[in-house]
Amino acid sequence: MGHARALISIEDVSLQLDIFKQILKNELSVRKVEELVRNASQPKEKSEGTAKEESAEIKELQTKLSSHFGSKIAIKSNGADKGEIKIPYSSTEDLNRILDILDI
């Protein structure tokens, strides 16, 4: 019952089956299955060195943009050269100030 409870939280059916096969083959405990499920649900990172370099570059860029806009800027990288930049504002006046900086 515990094994099934852990597996049901995985949306990817093929991943569920892979872990199920590991359970049968290795006679895994419920705790070990829960650990496998937790690790499987965490996003996979690029190689450690590349991720650290990118992270440092992103942090530096966030700092520069935050200073430029006078707001805390959030940058999220989705990998494969994709991501998003969020510029929060607290009022209509603040939004207009940011739009003026963007020259819009």
PDB file of N, CA and C in Angstrom:
ATOM      1  N   MET A   1       0.824  -1.193   0.000  1.00  0.00           N
ATOM      2  CA  MET A   1       0.000   0.000   0.000  1.00  0.00           C
ATOM      3  C   MET A   1       0.877   1.270   0.000  1.00  0.00           C
ATOM      4  N   GLY A   2       1.913   1.282   0.807  1.00  0.00           N
ATOM      5  CA  GLY A   2       2.812   2.434   0.881  1.00  0.00           C
ATOM      6  C   GLY A   2       3.556   2.676  -0.413  1.00  0.00           C
ATOM      7  N   HIS A   3       3.963   1.591  -1.066  1.00  0.00           N
ATOM      8  CA  HIS A   3       4.654   1.714  -2.349  1.00  0.00           C
ATOM      9  C   HIS A   3       3.739   2.390  -3.370  1.00  0.00           C
ATOM     10  N   ALA A   4       2.493   1.936  -3.413  1.00  0.00           N
ATOM     11  CA  ALA A   4       1.526   2.485  -4.370  1.00  0.00           C
ATOM     12  C   ALA A   4       1.250   3.950  -4.080  1.00  0.00           C
ATOM     13  N   ARG A   5       1.160   4.300  -2.804  1.00  0.00           N
ATOM     14  CA  ARG A   5       0.897   5.686  -2.418  1.00  0.00           C
ATOM     15  C   ARG A   5       2.020   6.600  -2.918  1.00  0.00           C
ATOM     16  N   ALA A   6       3.249   6.131  -2.824  1.00  0.00           N
ATOM     17  CA  ALA A   6       4.383   6.919  -3.309  1.00  0.00           C
ATOM     18  C   ALA A   6       4.350   7.037  -4.829  1.00  0.00           C
ATOM     19  N   LEU A   7       4.042   5.934  -5.508  1.00  0.00           N
ATOM     20  CA  LEU A   7       4.040   5.931  -6.974  1.00  0.00           C
ATOM     21  C   LEU A   7       2.925   6.778  -7.572  1.00  0.00           C
ATOM     22  N   ILE A   8       1.790   6.833  -6.894  1.00  0.00           N
ATOM     23  CA  ILE A   8       0.631   7.545  -7.449  1.00  0.00           C
ATOM     24  C   ILE A   8       0.895   9.044  -7.603  1.00  0.00           C
ATOM     25  N   SER A   9       1.872   9.564  -6.846  1.00  0.00           N
ATOM     26  CA  SER A   9       2.158  11.004  -6.920  1.00  0.00           C
ATOM     27  C   SER A   9       2.939  11.376  -8.185  1.00  0.00           C
ATOM     28  N   ILE A  10       3.413  10.380  -8.927  1.00  0.00           N
ATOM     29  CA  ILE A  10       4.148  10.635 -10.174  1.00  0.00           C
ATOM     30  C   ILE A  10       3.158  10.670 -11.328  1.00  0.00           C
ATOM     31  N   GLU A  11       3.171  11.753 -12.097  1.00  0.00           N
ATOM     32  CA  GLU A  11       2.243  11.900 -13.220  1.00  0.00           C
ATOM     33  C   GLU A  11       2.690  11.132 -14.459  1.00  0.00           C
ATOM     34  N   ASP A  12       3.991  10.993 -14.649  1.00  0.00           N
ATOM     35  CA  ASP A  12       4.541  10.324 -15.823  1.00  0.00           C
ATOM     36  C   ASP A  12       4.412   8.810 -15.660  1.00  0.00           C
ATOM     37  N   VAL A  13       3.542   8.201 -16.452  1.00  0.00           N
ATOM     38  CA  VAL A  13       3.265   6.768 -16.335  1.00  0.00           C
ATOM     39  C   VAL A  13       4.515   5.924 -16.590  1.00  0.00           C
ATOM     40  N   SER A  14       5.317   6.309 -17.560  1.00  0.00           N
ATOM     41  CA  SER A  14       6.525   5.528 -17.856  1.00  0.00           C
ATOM     42  C   SER A  14       7.496   5.557 -16.677  1.00  0.00           C
ATOM     43  N   LEU A  15       7.591   6.697 -16.000  1.00  0.00           N
ATOM     44  CA  LEU A  15       8.440   6.796 -14.816  1.00  0.00           C
ATOM     45  C   LEU A  15       7.873   5.935 -13.682  1.00  0.00           C
ATOM     46  N   GLN A  16       6.549   5.945 -13.534  1.00  0.00           N
ATOM     47  CA  GLN A  16       5.916   5.079 -12.538  1.00  0.00           C
ATOM     48  C   GLN A  16       6.298   3.620 -12.787  1.00  0.00           C
ATOM     49  N   LEU A  17       6.210   3.190 -14.041  1.00  0.00           N
ATOM     50  CA  LEU A  17       6.530   1.803 -14.390  1.00  0.00           C
ATOM     51  C   LEU A  17       8.001   1.483 -14.147  1.00  0.00           C
ATOM     52  N   ASP A  18       8.887   2.426 -14.462  1.00  0.00           N
ATOM     53  CA  ASP A  18      10.316   2.212 -14.220  1.00  0.00           C
ATOM     54  C   ASP A  18      10.590   1.990 -12.739  1.00  0.00           C
ATOM     55  N   ILE A  19      10.012   2.848 -11.907  1.00  0.00           N
ATOM     56  CA  ILE A  19      10.217   2.707 -10.464  1.00  0.00           C
ATOM     57  C   ILE A  19       9.563   1.428  -9.955  1.00  0.00           C
ATOM     58  N   PHE A  20       8.384   1.080 -10.495  1.00  0.00           N
ATOM     59  CA  PHE A  20       7.719  -0.161 -10.112  1.00  0.00           C
ATOM     60  C   PHE A  20       8.616  -1.365 -10.397  1.00  0.00           C
ATOM     61  N   LYS A  21       9.251  -1.356 -11.571  1.00  0.00           N
ATOM     62  CA  LYS A  21      10.155  -2.458 -11.931  1.00  0.00           C
ATOM     63  C   LYS A  21      11.351  -2.521 -10.979  1.00  0.00           C
ATOM     64  N   GLN A  22      11.842  -1.336 -10.565  1.00  0.00           N
ATOM     65  CA  GLN A  22      12.946  -1.303  -9.609  1.00  0.00           C
ATOM     66  C   GLN A  22      12.510  -1.877  -8.263  1.00  0.00           C
ATOM     67  N   ILE A  23      11.276  -1.572  -7.854  1.00  0.00           N
ATOM     68  CA  ILE A  23      10.741  -2.098  -6.592  1.00  0.00           C
ATOM     69  C   ILE A  23      10.750  -3.618  -6.620  1.00  0.00           C
ATOM     70  N   LEU A  24      10.241  -4.186  -7.698  1.00  0.00           N
ATOM     71  CA  LEU A  24      10.166  -5.648  -7.809  1.00  0.00           C
ATOM     72  C   LEU A  24      11.560  -6.279  -7.880  1.00  0.00           C
ATOM     73  N   LYS A  25      12.419  -5.695  -8.708  1.00  0.00           N
ATOM     74  CA  LYS A  25      13.746  -6.263  -8.929  1.00  0.00           C
ATOM     75  C   LYS A  25      14.609  -6.203  -7.667  1.00  0.00           C
ATOM     76  N   ASN A  26      14.551  -5.061  -6.956  1.00  0.00           N
ATOM     77  CA  ASN A  26      15.447  -4.830  -5.819  1.00  0.00           C
ATOM     78  C   ASN A  26      14.769  -4.951  -4.464  1.00  0.00           C
ATOM     79  N   GLU A  27      13.472  -5.323  -4.467  1.00  0.00           N
ATOM     80  CA  GLU A  27      12.693  -5.446  -3.228  1.00  0.00           C
ATOM     81  C   GLU A  27      12.872  -4.202  -2.345  1.00  0.00           C
ATOM     82  N   LEU A  28      12.602  -3.043  -2.934  1.00  0.00           N
ATOM     83  CA  LEU A  28      12.811  -1.764  -2.254  1.00  0.00           C
ATOM     84  C   LEU A  28      11.794  -1.542  -1.153  1.00  0.00           C
ATOM     85  N   SER A  29      12.245  -0.869  -0.095  1.00  0.00           N
ATOM     86  CA  SER A  29      11.351  -0.491   1.003  1.00  0.00           C
ATOM     87  C   SER A  29      10.506   0.704   0.587  1.00  0.00           C
ATOM     88  N   VAL A  30       9.464   0.977   1.338  1.00  0.00           N
ATOM     89  CA  VAL A  30       8.610   2.136   1.070  1.00  0.00           C
ATOM     90  C   VAL A  30       9.433   3.414   1.165  1.00  0.00           C
ATOM     91  N   ARG A  31      10.304   3.502   2.163  1.00  0.00           N
ATOM     92  CA  ARG A  31      11.136   4.709   2.349  1.00  0.00           C
ATOM     93  C   ARG A  31      12.046   4.942   1.145  1.00  0.00           C
ATOM     94  N   LYS A  32      12.615   3.862   0.624  1.00  0.00           N
ATOM     95  CA  LYS A  32      13.491   3.987  -0.542  1.00  0.00           C
ATOM     96  C   LYS A  32      12.687   4.437  -1.764  1.00  0.00           C
ATOM     97  N   VAL A  33      11.477   3.923  -1.908  1.00  0.00           N
ATOM     98  CA  VAL A  33      10.618   4.328  -3.030  1.00  0.00           C
ATOM     99  C   VAL A  33      10.248   5.802  -2.899  1.00  0.00           C
ATOM    100  N   GLU A  34       9.919   6.227  -1.683  1.00  0.00           N
ATOM    101  CA  GLU A  34       9.605   7.646  -1.467  1.00  0.00           C
ATOM    102  C   GLU A  34      10.784   8.529  -1.838  1.00  0.00           C
ATOM    103  N   GLU A  35      11.993   8.076  -1.517  1.00  0.00           N
ATOM    104  CA  GLU A  35      13.196   8.823  -1.875  1.00  0.00           C
ATOM    105  C   GLU A  35      13.371   8.879  -3.394  1.00  0.00           C
ATOM    106  N   LEU A  36      13.154   7.760  -4.059  1.00  0.00           N
ATOM    107  CA  LEU A  36      13.241   7.729  -5.523  1.00  0.00           C
ATOM    108  C   LEU A  36      12.235   8.680  -6.158  1.00  0.00           C
ATOM    109  N   VAL A  37      11.024   8.696  -5.628  1.00  0.00           N
ATOM    110  CA  VAL A  37       9.974   9.570  -6.156  1.00  0.00           C
ATOM    111  C   VAL A  37      10.353  11.035  -5.952  1.00  0.00           C
ATOM    112  N   ARG A  38      10.878  11.370  -4.777  1.00  0.00           N
ATOM    113  CA  ARG A  38      11.308  12.753  -4.509  1.00  0.00           C
ATOM    114  C   ARG A  38      12.389  13.168  -5.495  1.00  0.00           C
ATOM    115  N   ASN A  39      13.380  12.296  -5.678  1.00  0.00           N
ATOM    116  CA  ASN A  39      14.479  12.618  -6.595  1.00  0.00           C
ATOM    117  C   ASN A  39      14.001  12.711  -8.040  1.00  0.00           C
ATOM    118  N   ALA A  40      13.040  11.882  -8.410  1.00  0.00           N
ATOM    119  CA  ALA A  40      12.521  11.898  -9.775  1.00  0.00           C
ATOM    120  C   ALA A  40      11.705  13.146 -10.059  1.00  0.00           C
ATOM    121  N   SER A  41      11.078  13.701  -9.032  1.00  0.00           N
ATOM    122  CA  SER A  41      10.223  14.873  -9.240  1.00  0.00           C
ATOM    123  C   SER A  41      11.010  16.174  -9.241  1.00  0.00           C
ATOM    124  N   GLN A  42      12.281  16.136  -8.831  1.00  0.00           N
ATOM    125  CA  GLN A  42      13.114  17.333  -8.862  1.00  0.00           C
ATOM    126  C   GLN A  42      13.605  17.556 -10.281  1.00  0.00           C
ATOM    127  N   PRO A  43      13.592  18.830 -10.731  1.00  0.00           N
ATOM    128  CA  PRO A  43      14.057  19.089 -12.090  1.00  0.00           C
ATOM    129  C   PRO A  43      15.519  18.725 -12.256  1.00  0.00           C
ATOM    130  N   LYS A  44      15.854  18.165 -13.390  1.00  0.00           N
ATOM    131  CA  LYS A  44      17.228  17.778 -13.675  1.00  0.00           C
ATOM    132  C   LYS A  44      18.002  19.014 -14.098  1.00  0.00           C
ATOM    133  N   GLU A  45      19.217  19.153 -13.544  1.00  0.00           N
ATOM    134  CA  GLU A  45      20.059  20.290 -13.877  1.00  0.00           C
ATOM    135  C   GLU A  45      21.055  19.890 -14.952  1.00  0.00           C
ATOM    136  N   LYS A  46      21.608  20.896 -15.575  1.00  0.00           N
ATOM    137  CA  LYS A  46      22.696  20.662 -16.520  1.00  0.00           C
ATOM    138  C   LYS A  46      23.901  20.217 -15.704  1.00  0.00           C
ATOM    139  N   SER A  47      25.013  20.017 -16.363  1.00  0.00           N
ATOM    140  CA  SER A  47      26.212  19.644 -15.627  1.00  0.00           C
ATOM    141  C   SER A  47      26.475  20.689 -14.554  1.00  0.00           C
ATOM    142  N   GLU A  48      27.043  20.257 -13.454  1.00  0.00           N
ATOM    143  CA  GLU A  48      27.172  21.118 -12.282  1.00  0.00           C
ATOM    144  C   GLU A  48      27.931  22.402 -12.577  1.00  0.00           C
ATOM    145  N   GLY A  49      29.031  22.313 -13.312  1.00  0.00           N
ATOM    146  CA  GLY A  49      29.814  23.498 -13.623  1.00  0.00           C
ATOM    147  C   GLY A  49      29.042  24.486 -14.464  1.00  0.00           C
ATOM    148  N   THR A  50      28.357  24.015 -15.478  1.00  0.00           N
ATOM    149  CA  THR A  50      27.577  24.874 -16.358  1.00  0.00           C
ATOM    150  C   THR A  50      26.441  25.542 -15.598  1.00  0.00           C
ATOM    151  N   ALA A  51      25.752  24.794 -14.735  1.00  0.00           N
ATOM    152  CA  ALA A  51      24.641  25.350 -13.959  1.00  0.00           C
ATOM    153  C   ALA A  51      25.138  26.439 -13.016  1.00  0.00           C
ATOM    154  N   LYS A  52      26.304  26.228 -12.400  1.00  0.00           N
ATOM    155  CA  LYS A  52      26.848  27.228 -11.476  1.00  0.00           C
ATOM    156  C   LYS A  52      27.241  28.490 -12.222  1.00  0.00           C
ATOM    157  N   GLU A  53      27.866  28.314 -13.407  1.00  0.00           N
ATOM    158  CA  GLU A  53      28.256  29.470 -14.206  1.00  0.00           C
ATOM    159  C   GLU A  53      27.022  30.258 -14.635  1.00  0.00           C
ATOM    160  N   GLU A  54      26.008  29.544 -15.112  1.00  0.00           N
ATOM    161  CA  GLU A  54      24.784  30.200 -15.547  1.00  0.00           C
ATOM    162  C   GLU A  54      24.109  30.893 -14.368  1.00  0.00           C
ATOM    163  N   SER A  55      24.096  30.240 -13.233  1.00  0.00           N
ATOM    164  CA  SER A  55      23.473  30.805 -12.043  1.00  0.00           C
ATOM    165  C   SER A  55      24.177  32.101 -11.633  1.00  0.00           C
ATOM    166  N   ALA A  56      25.503  32.112 -11.679  1.00  0.00           N
ATOM    167  CA  ALA A  56      26.255  33.312 -11.332  1.00  0.00           C
ATOM    168  C   ALA A  56      25.958  34.434 -12.327  1.00  0.00           C
ATOM    169  N   GLU A  57      25.880  34.087 -13.608  1.00  0.00           N
ATOM    170  CA  GLU A  57      25.562  35.090 -14.628  1.00  0.00           C
ATOM    171  C   GLU A  57      24.155  35.639 -14.430  1.00  0.00           C
ATOM    172  N   ILE A  58      23.204  34.761 -14.124  1.00  0.00           N
ATOM    173  CA  ILE A  58      21.822  35.175 -13.908  1.00  0.00           C
ATOM    174  C   ILE A  58      21.739  36.090 -12.694  1.00  0.00           C
ATOM    175  N   LYS A  59      22.417  35.743 -11.612  1.00  0.00           N
ATOM    176  CA  LYS A  59      22.396  36.577 -10.402  1.00  0.00           C
ATOM    177  C   LYS A  59      22.984  37.958 -10.675  1.00  0.00           C
ATOM    178  N   GLU A  60      24.077  37.983 -11.422  1.00  0.00           N
ATOM    179  CA  GLU A  60      24.701  39.263 -11.759  1.00  0.00           C
ATOM    180  C   GLU A  60      23.754  40.114 -12.613  1.00  0.00           C
ATOM    181  N   LEU A  61      23.108  39.475 -13.575  1.00  0.00           N
ATOM    182  CA  LEU A  61      22.158  40.185 -14.428  1.00  0.00           C
ATOM    183  C   LEU A  61      20.964  40.680 -13.623  1.00  0.00           C
ATOM    184  N   GLN A  62      20.468  39.857 -12.699  1.00  0.00           N
ATOM    185  CA  GLN A  62      19.357  40.280 -11.825  1.00  0.00           C
ATOM    186  C   GLN A  62      19.744  41.520 -11.033  1.00  0.00           C
ATOM    187  N   THR A  63      20.955  41.525 -10.512  1.00  0.00           N
ATOM    188  CA  THR A  63      21.433  42.664  -9.728  1.00  0.00           C
ATOM    189  C   THR A  63      21.496  43.927 -10.582  1.00  0.00           C
ATOM    190  N   LYS A  64      22.039  43.794 -11.795  1.00  0.00           N
ATOM    191  CA  LYS A  64      22.139  44.954 -12.693  1.00  0.00           C
ATOM    192  C   LYS A  64      20.748  45.488 -13.064  1.00  0.00           C
ATOM    193  N   LEU A  65      19.836  44.578 -13.421  1.00  0.00           N
ATOM    194  CA  LEU A  65      18.487  44.997 -13.806  1.00  0.00           C
ATOM    195  C   LEU A  65      17.734  45.590 -12.620  1.00  0.00           C
ATOM    196  N   SER A  66      17.897  45.006 -11.448  1.00  0.00           N
ATOM    197  CA  SER A  66      17.236  45.533 -10.250  1.00  0.00           C
ATOM    198  C   SER A  66      17.700  46.953  -9.975  1.00  0.00           C
ATOM    199  N   SER A  67      18.990  47.178 -10.131  1.00  0.00           N
ATOM    200  CA  SER A  67      19.536  48.521  -9.929  1.00  0.00           C
ATOM    201  C   SER A  67      18.995  49.485 -10.982  1.00  0.00           C
ATOM    202  N   HIS A  68      18.926  49.032 -12.216  1.00  0.00           N
ATOM    203  CA  HIS A  68      18.458  49.882 -13.312  1.00  0.00           C
ATOM    204  C   HIS A  68      16.985  50.271 -13.149  1.00  0.00           C
ATOM    205  N   PHE A  69      16.142  49.304 -12.776  1.00  0.00           N
ATOM    206  CA  PHE A  69      14.706  49.561 -12.675  1.00  0.00           C
ATOM    207  C   PHE A  69      14.257  50.010 -11.293  1.00  0.00           C
ATOM    208  N   GLY A  70      15.113  49.890 -10.292  1.00  0.00           N
ATOM    209  CA  GLY A  70      14.715  50.277  -8.946  1.00  0.00           C
ATOM    210  C   GLY A  70      13.663  49.333  -8.373  1.00  0.00           C
ATOM    211  N   SER A  71      13.607  48.110  -8.870  1.00  0.00           N
ATOM    212  CA  SER A  71      12.679  47.080  -8.414  1.00  0.00           C
ATOM    213  C   SER A  71      13.438  45.755  -8.396  1.00  0.00           C
ATOM    214  N   LYS A  72      12.996  44.843  -7.551  1.00  0.00           N
ATOM    215  CA  LYS A  72      13.650  43.541  -7.517  1.00  0.00           C
ATOM    216  C   LYS A  72      13.202  42.729  -8.728  1.00  0.00           C
ATOM    217  N   ILE A  73      14.137  42.444  -9.620  1.00  0.00           N
ATOM    218  CA  ILE A  73      13.862  41.728 -10.856  1.00  0.00           C
ATOM    219  C   ILE A  73      14.106  40.241 -10.636  1.00  0.00           C
ATOM    220  N   ALA A  74      13.229  39.406 -11.177  1.00  0.00           N
ATOM    221  CA  ALA A  74      13.398  37.958 -11.091  1.00  0.00           C
ATOM    222  C   ALA A  74      13.630  37.398 -12.487  1.00  0.00           C
ATOM    223  N   ILE A  75      14.672  36.604 -12.617  1.00  0.00           N
ATOM    224  CA  ILE A  75      14.975  35.953 -13.884  1.00  0.00           C
ATOM    225  C   ILE A  75      14.939  34.453 -13.642  1.00  0.00           C
ATOM    226  N   LYS A  76      14.163  33.758 -14.460  1.00  0.00           N
ATOM    227  CA  LYS A  76      14.095  32.304 -14.368  1.00  0.00           C
ATOM    228  C   LYS A  76      14.507  31.727 -15.712  1.00  0.00           C
ATOM    229  N   SER A  77      15.478  30.828 -15.659  1.00  0.00           N
ATOM    230  CA  SER A  77      15.956  30.174 -16.866  1.00  0.00           C
ATOM    231  C   SER A  77      15.348  28.786 -16.938  1.00  0.00           C
ATOM    232  N   ASN A  78      14.746  28.473 -18.086  1.00  0.00           N
ATOM    233  CA  ASN A  78      14.149  27.161 -18.284  1.00  0.00           C
ATOM    234  C   ASN A  78      15.069  26.240 -19.061  1.00  0.00           C
ATOM    235  N   GLY A  79      16.271  26.658 -19.274  1.00  0.00           N
ATOM    236  CA  GLY A  79      17.211  25.872 -20.061  1.00  0.00           C
ATOM    237  C   GLY A  79      16.958  26.079 -21.538  1.00  0.00           C
ATOM    238  N   ALA A  80      17.830  25.556 -22.349  1.00  0.00           N
ATOM    239  CA  ALA A  80      17.706  25.656 -23.804  1.00  0.00           C
ATOM    240  C   ALA A  80      17.495  27.100 -24.257  1.00  0.00           C
ATOM    241  N   ASP A  81      18.190  28.025 -23.623  1.00  0.00           N
ATOM    242  CA  ASP A  81      18.132  29.445 -23.986  1.00  0.00           C
ATOM    243  C   ASP A  81      16.740  30.050 -23.874  1.00  0.00           C
ATOM    244  N   LYS A  82      15.932  29.552 -22.959  1.00  0.00           N
ATOM    245  CA  LYS A  82      14.594  30.097 -22.750  1.00  0.00           C
ATOM    246  C   LYS A  82      14.438  30.480 -21.283  1.00  0.00           C
ATOM    247  N   GLY A  83      13.526  31.398 -21.018  1.00  0.00           N
ATOM    248  CA  GLY A  83      13.271  31.813 -19.645  1.00  0.00           C
ATOM    249  C   GLY A  83      12.325  32.988 -19.603  1.00  0.00           C
ATOM    250  N   GLU A  84      12.295  33.641 -18.458  1.00  0.00           N
ATOM    251  CA  GLU A  84      11.437  34.813 -18.331  1.00  0.00           C
ATOM    252  C   GLU A  84      12.046  35.807 -17.361  1.00  0.00           C
ATOM    253  N   ILE A  85      11.693  37.062 -17.559  1.00  0.00           N
ATOM    254  CA  ILE A  85      12.122  38.149 -16.688  1.00  0.00           C
ATOM    255  C   ILE A  85      10.857  38.765 -16.113  1.00  0.00           C
ATOM    256  N   LYS A  86      10.803  38.884 -14.784  1.00  0.00           N
ATOM    257  CA  LYS A  86       9.647  39.499 -14.135  1.00  0.00           C
ATOM    258  C   LYS A  86      10.061  40.819 -13.503  1.00  0.00           C
ATOM    259  N   ILE A  87       9.272  41.845 -13.814  1.00  0.00           N
ATOM    260  CA  ILE A  87       9.503  43.171 -13.248  1.00  0.00           C
ATOM    261  C   ILE A  87       8.256  43.532 -12.444  1.00  0.00           C
ATOM    262  N   PRO A  88       8.319  43.426 -11.132  1.00  0.00           N
ATOM    263  CA  PRO A  88       7.136  43.738 -10.324  1.00  0.00           C
ATOM    264  C   PRO A  88       6.948  45.250 -10.175  1.00  0.00           C
ATOM    265  N   TYR A  89       5.707  45.657  -9.957  1.00  0.00           N
ATOM    266  CA  TYR A  89       5.415  47.059  -9.657  1.00  0.00           C
ATOM    267  C   TYR A  89       4.369  47.097  -8.550  1.00  0.00           C
ATOM    268  N   SER A  90       4.381  48.185  -7.781  1.00  0.00           N
ATOM    269  CA  SER A  90       3.513  48.255  -6.602  1.00  0.00           C
ATOM    270  C   SER A  90       2.327  49.191  -6.763  1.00  0.00           C
ATOM    271  N   SER A  91       2.315  49.967  -7.827  1.00  0.00           N
ATOM    272  CA  SER A  91       1.208  50.896  -8.049  1.00  0.00           C
ATOM    273  C   SER A  91       1.201  51.317  -9.511  1.00  0.00           C
ATOM    274  N   THR A  92       0.160  52.041  -9.900  1.00  0.00           N
ATOM    275  CA  THR A  92       0.086  52.545 -11.269  1.00  0.00           C
ATOM    276  C   THR A  92       1.237  53.496 -11.549  1.00  0.00           C
ATOM    277  N   GLU A  93       1.574  54.311 -10.566  1.00  0.00           N
ATOM    278  CA  GLU A  93       2.691  55.241 -10.736  1.00  0.00           C
ATOM    279  C   GLU A  93       3.999  54.492 -10.932  1.00  0.00           C
ATOM    280  N   ASP A  94       4.179  53.407 -10.155  1.00  0.00           N
ATOM    281  CA  ASP A  94       5.389  52.607 -10.279  1.00  0.00           C
ATOM    282  C   ASP A  94       5.447  51.949 -11.663  1.00  0.00           C
ATOM    283  N   LEU A  95       4.317  51.460 -12.152  1.00  0.00           N
ATOM    284  CA  LEU A  95       4.258  50.874 -13.494  1.00  0.00           C
ATOM    285  C   LEU A  95       4.623  51.923 -14.540  1.00  0.00           C
ATOM    286  N   ASN A  96       4.084  53.116 -14.415  1.00  0.00           N
ATOM    287  CA  ASN A  96       4.408  54.184 -15.366  1.00  0.00           C
ATOM    288  C   ASN A  96       5.878  54.543 -15.327  1.00  0.00           C
ATOM    289  N   ARG A  97       6.484  54.540 -14.131  1.00  0.00           N
ATOM    290  CA  ARG A  97       7.924  54.808 -13.988  1.00  0.00           C
ATOM    291  C   ARG A  97       8.736  53.756 -14.748  1.00  0.00           C
ATOM    292  N   ILE A  98       8.347  52.489 -14.600  1.00  0.00           N
ATOM    293  CA  ILE A  98       9.049  51.411 -15.296  1.00  0.00           C
ATOM    294  C   ILE A  98       8.853  51.532 -16.809  1.00  0.00           C
ATOM    295  N   LEU A  99       7.652  51.856 -17.238  1.00  0.00           N
ATOM    296  CA  LEU A  99       7.387  52.038 -18.672  1.00  0.00           C
ATOM    297  C   LEU A  99       8.201  53.201 -19.228  1.00  0.00           C
ATOM    298  N   ASP A 100       8.385  54.261 -18.435  1.00  0.00           N
ATOM    299  CA  ASP A 100       9.228  55.372 -18.880  1.00  0.00           C
ATOM    300  C   ASP A 100      10.670  54.918 -19.060  1.00  0.00           C
ATOM    301  N   ILE A 101      11.156  54.071 -18.141  1.00  0.00           N
ATOM    302  CA  ILE A 101      12.515  53.553 -18.267  1.00  0.00           C
ATOM    303  C   ILE A 101      12.649  52.717 -19.535  1.00  0.00           C
ATOM    304  N   LEU A 102      11.610  51.940 -19.846  1.00  0.00           N
ATOM    305  CA  LEU A 102      11.603  51.130 -21.063  1.00  0.00           C
ATOM    306  C   LEU A 102      11.328  51.961 -22.321  1.00  0.00           C
ATOM    307  N   ASP A 103      10.994  53.234 -22.108  1.00  0.00           N
ATOM    308  CA  ASP A 103      10.690  54.153 -23.194  1.00  0.00           C
ATOM    309  C   ASP A 103       9.489  53.650 -24.012  1.00  0.00           C
ATOM    310  N   ILE A 104       8.446  53.237 -23.272  1.00  0.00           N
ATOM    311  CA  ILE A 104       7.213  52.742 -23.914  1.00  0.00           C
ATOM    312  C   ILE A 104       6.106  53.752 -23.684  1.00  0.00           C
TER     313      ILE A 104
END
